[in-house]
Amino acid sequence: MPRPIKCRKVCRLPDVNEFRPAGGKSRCVILTVDEYETIRLIDREGFSQEECAGFMQIARTTVQQIYNSARFKIAEALVDGTGIRIEGGSYTLCDGSEKQCRCGGCSKHRSMICDNNQRQL
């Protein structure tokens, strides 16, 4: 029997949950919220896979699998001209109770911005 899927910690839901190319097909590739979060943390925020794993409270190998799946889906959407919809997945939202989340997305941590607009580490 396979192990149960552990919920992944996500700081916030995306502001926009669907993207469609102009003149593209009506079909959408489904990107889960946890896949979106790995893309956001690794590619946008510059986390390593190990840092991303620590933030999401899962194993680094799990992050690698989620990240590879997300990259494949994004590539599929770009190459095939389909949309991307972000929904579903196994995740829990960050409750802001941690001392330091580094992502700046939790309402508790949005105020922790330095004067030079750099996130505190």
Protein backbone atom coordinates (compact mmCIF):
# COMPACT_ATOMS: atom_id res chain seq x y z
CA MET A 1 0.00 0.00 0.00
CA PRO A 2 1.48 3.41 -0.96
CA ARG A 3 2.25 6.01 1.66
CA PRO A 4 -0.40 8.70 2.13
CA ILE A 5 0.36 12.03 0.47
CA LYS A 6 1.64 14.56 3.00
CA CYS A 7 0.10 18.03 2.76
CA ARG A 8 2.53 20.60 1.43
CA LYS A 9 2.71 24.01 3.09
CA VAL A 10 1.80 26.82 0.69
CA CYS A 11 2.21 30.45 1.65
CA ARG A 12 -0.60 31.86 -0.46
CA LEU A 13 -2.87 31.01 -3.33
CA PRO A 14 -2.05 32.60 -6.70
CA ASP A 15 -3.62 35.97 -7.48
CA VAL A 16 -4.52 34.70 -10.95
CA ASN A 17 -5.44 31.06 -11.37
CA GLU A 18 -5.82 30.79 -15.14
CA PHE A 19 -3.71 31.85 -18.12
CA ARG A 20 -4.77 31.54 -21.74
CA PRO A 21 -2.71 32.39 -24.80
CA ALA A 22 -4.22 34.76 -27.35
CA GLY A 23 -5.64 32.63 -30.14
CA GLY A 24 -4.74 29.47 -28.25
CA LYS A 25 -6.71 26.30 -27.79
CA SER A 26 -9.54 26.13 -25.28
CA ARG A 27 -7.96 23.17 -23.48
CA CYS A 28 -6.06 23.87 -20.23
CA VAL A 29 -3.23 22.08 -18.50
CA ILE A 30 -3.98 21.73 -14.78
CA LEU A 31 -1.13 22.86 -12.52
CA THR A 32 -1.77 21.99 -8.87
CA VAL A 33 -1.31 24.61 -6.15
CA ASP A 34 1.70 22.75 -4.72
CA GLU A 35 3.29 22.64 -8.21
CA TYR A 36 2.67 26.38 -8.51
CA GLU A 37 4.31 26.91 -5.11
CA THR A 38 7.47 25.01 -6.07
CA ILE A 39 7.78 27.05 -9.28
CA ARG A 40 7.23 30.26 -7.29
CA LEU A 41 9.76 29.38 -4.60
CA ILE A 42 12.50 27.94 -6.82
CA ASP A 43 12.23 30.04 -9.99
CA ARG A 44 10.74 33.30 -8.70
CA GLU A 45 12.13 33.54 -5.14
CA GLY A 46 15.44 31.79 -5.88
CA PHE A 47 15.16 29.04 -3.24
CA SER A 48 17.21 25.90 -3.68
CA GLN A 49 15.29 22.63 -3.79
CA GLU A 50 16.46 21.95 -0.24
CA GLU A 51 15.24 25.35 1.01
CA CYS A 52 11.96 24.85 -0.83
CA ALA A 53 11.55 21.44 0.84
CA GLY A 54 12.15 22.95 4.26
CA PHE A 55 9.65 25.72 3.62
CA MET A 56 6.98 23.36 2.29
CA GLN A 57 7.73 20.84 5.06
CA ILE A 58 8.33 17.91 2.70
CA ALA A 59 11.34 15.89 1.53
CA ARG A 60 13.73 17.33 -1.07
CA THR A 61 13.07 14.36 -3.35
CA THR A 62 9.35 15.16 -3.20
CA VAL A 63 10.09 18.78 -4.17
CA GLN A 64 12.14 17.51 -7.09
CA GLN A 65 9.26 15.32 -8.30
CA ILE A 66 6.71 18.15 -7.92
CA TYR A 67 9.04 20.64 -9.65
CA ASN A 68 9.72 18.29 -12.59
CA SER A 69 5.99 17.66 -13.00
CA ALA A 70 5.26 21.41 -12.95
CA ARG A 71 7.98 22.16 -15.51
CA PHE A 72 6.66 19.43 -17.82
CA LYS A 73 3.12 20.84 -17.63
CA ILE A 74 4.29 24.42 -18.28
CA ALA A 75 6.38 23.26 -21.25
CA GLU A 76 3.40 21.31 -22.59
CA ALA A 77 1.19 24.41 -22.37
CA LEU A 78 3.78 26.63 -24.09
CA VAL A 79 4.56 24.18 -26.89
CA ASP A 80 0.95 23.11 -27.55
CA GLY A 81 -0.54 26.61 -27.15
CA THR A 82 -2.94 25.62 -24.37
CA GLY A 83 -3.90 27.48 -21.22
CA ILE A 84 -2.76 26.81 -17.67
CA ARG A 85 -5.22 26.52 -14.79
CA ILE A 86 -3.99 26.38 -11.18
CA GLU A 87 -6.22 24.32 -8.90
CA GLY A 88 -6.27 21.36 -6.54
CA GLY A 89 -3.41 19.44 -5.04
CA SER A 90 -2.49 18.36 -1.54
CA TYR A 91 -1.61 21.48 0.44
CA THR A 92 -2.27 23.51 3.56
CA LEU A 93 -2.07 27.28 3.65
CA CYS A 94 0.55 28.92 5.87
CA ASP A 95 -1.11 30.23 9.01
CA GLY A 96 1.51 32.92 9.68
CA SER A 97 2.52 31.38 13.01
CA GLU A 98 6.15 30.83 12.05
CA LYS A 99 8.81 33.30 13.08
CA GLN A 100 10.21 33.54 9.59
CA CYS A 101 8.75 32.23 6.36
CA ARG A 102 11.00 34.09 3.88
CA CYS A 103 8.36 34.24 1.21
CA GLY A 104 6.69 37.51 2.17
CA GLY A 105 3.27 36.17 1.25
CA CYS A 106 1.76 35.53 4.68
CA SER A 107 -0.15 38.52 6.01
CA LYS A 108 1.84 38.32 9.25
CA HIS A 109 5.14 38.45 7.36
CA ARG A 110 4.34 41.05 4.70
CA SER A 111 5.24 43.77 7.20
CA MET A 112 8.75 42.30 7.64
CA ILE A 113 10.21 44.20 4.68
CA CYS A 114 13.50 46.06 5.08
CA ASP A 115 13.91 49.71 4.11
CA ASN A 116 15.64 48.79 0.84
CA ASN A 117 12.69 46.53 -0.15
CA GLN A 118 14.72 43.36 0.41
CA ARG A 119 13.04 40.53 2.31
CA GLN A 120 14.52 39.85 5.71
CA LEU A 121 16.19 36.48 6.02
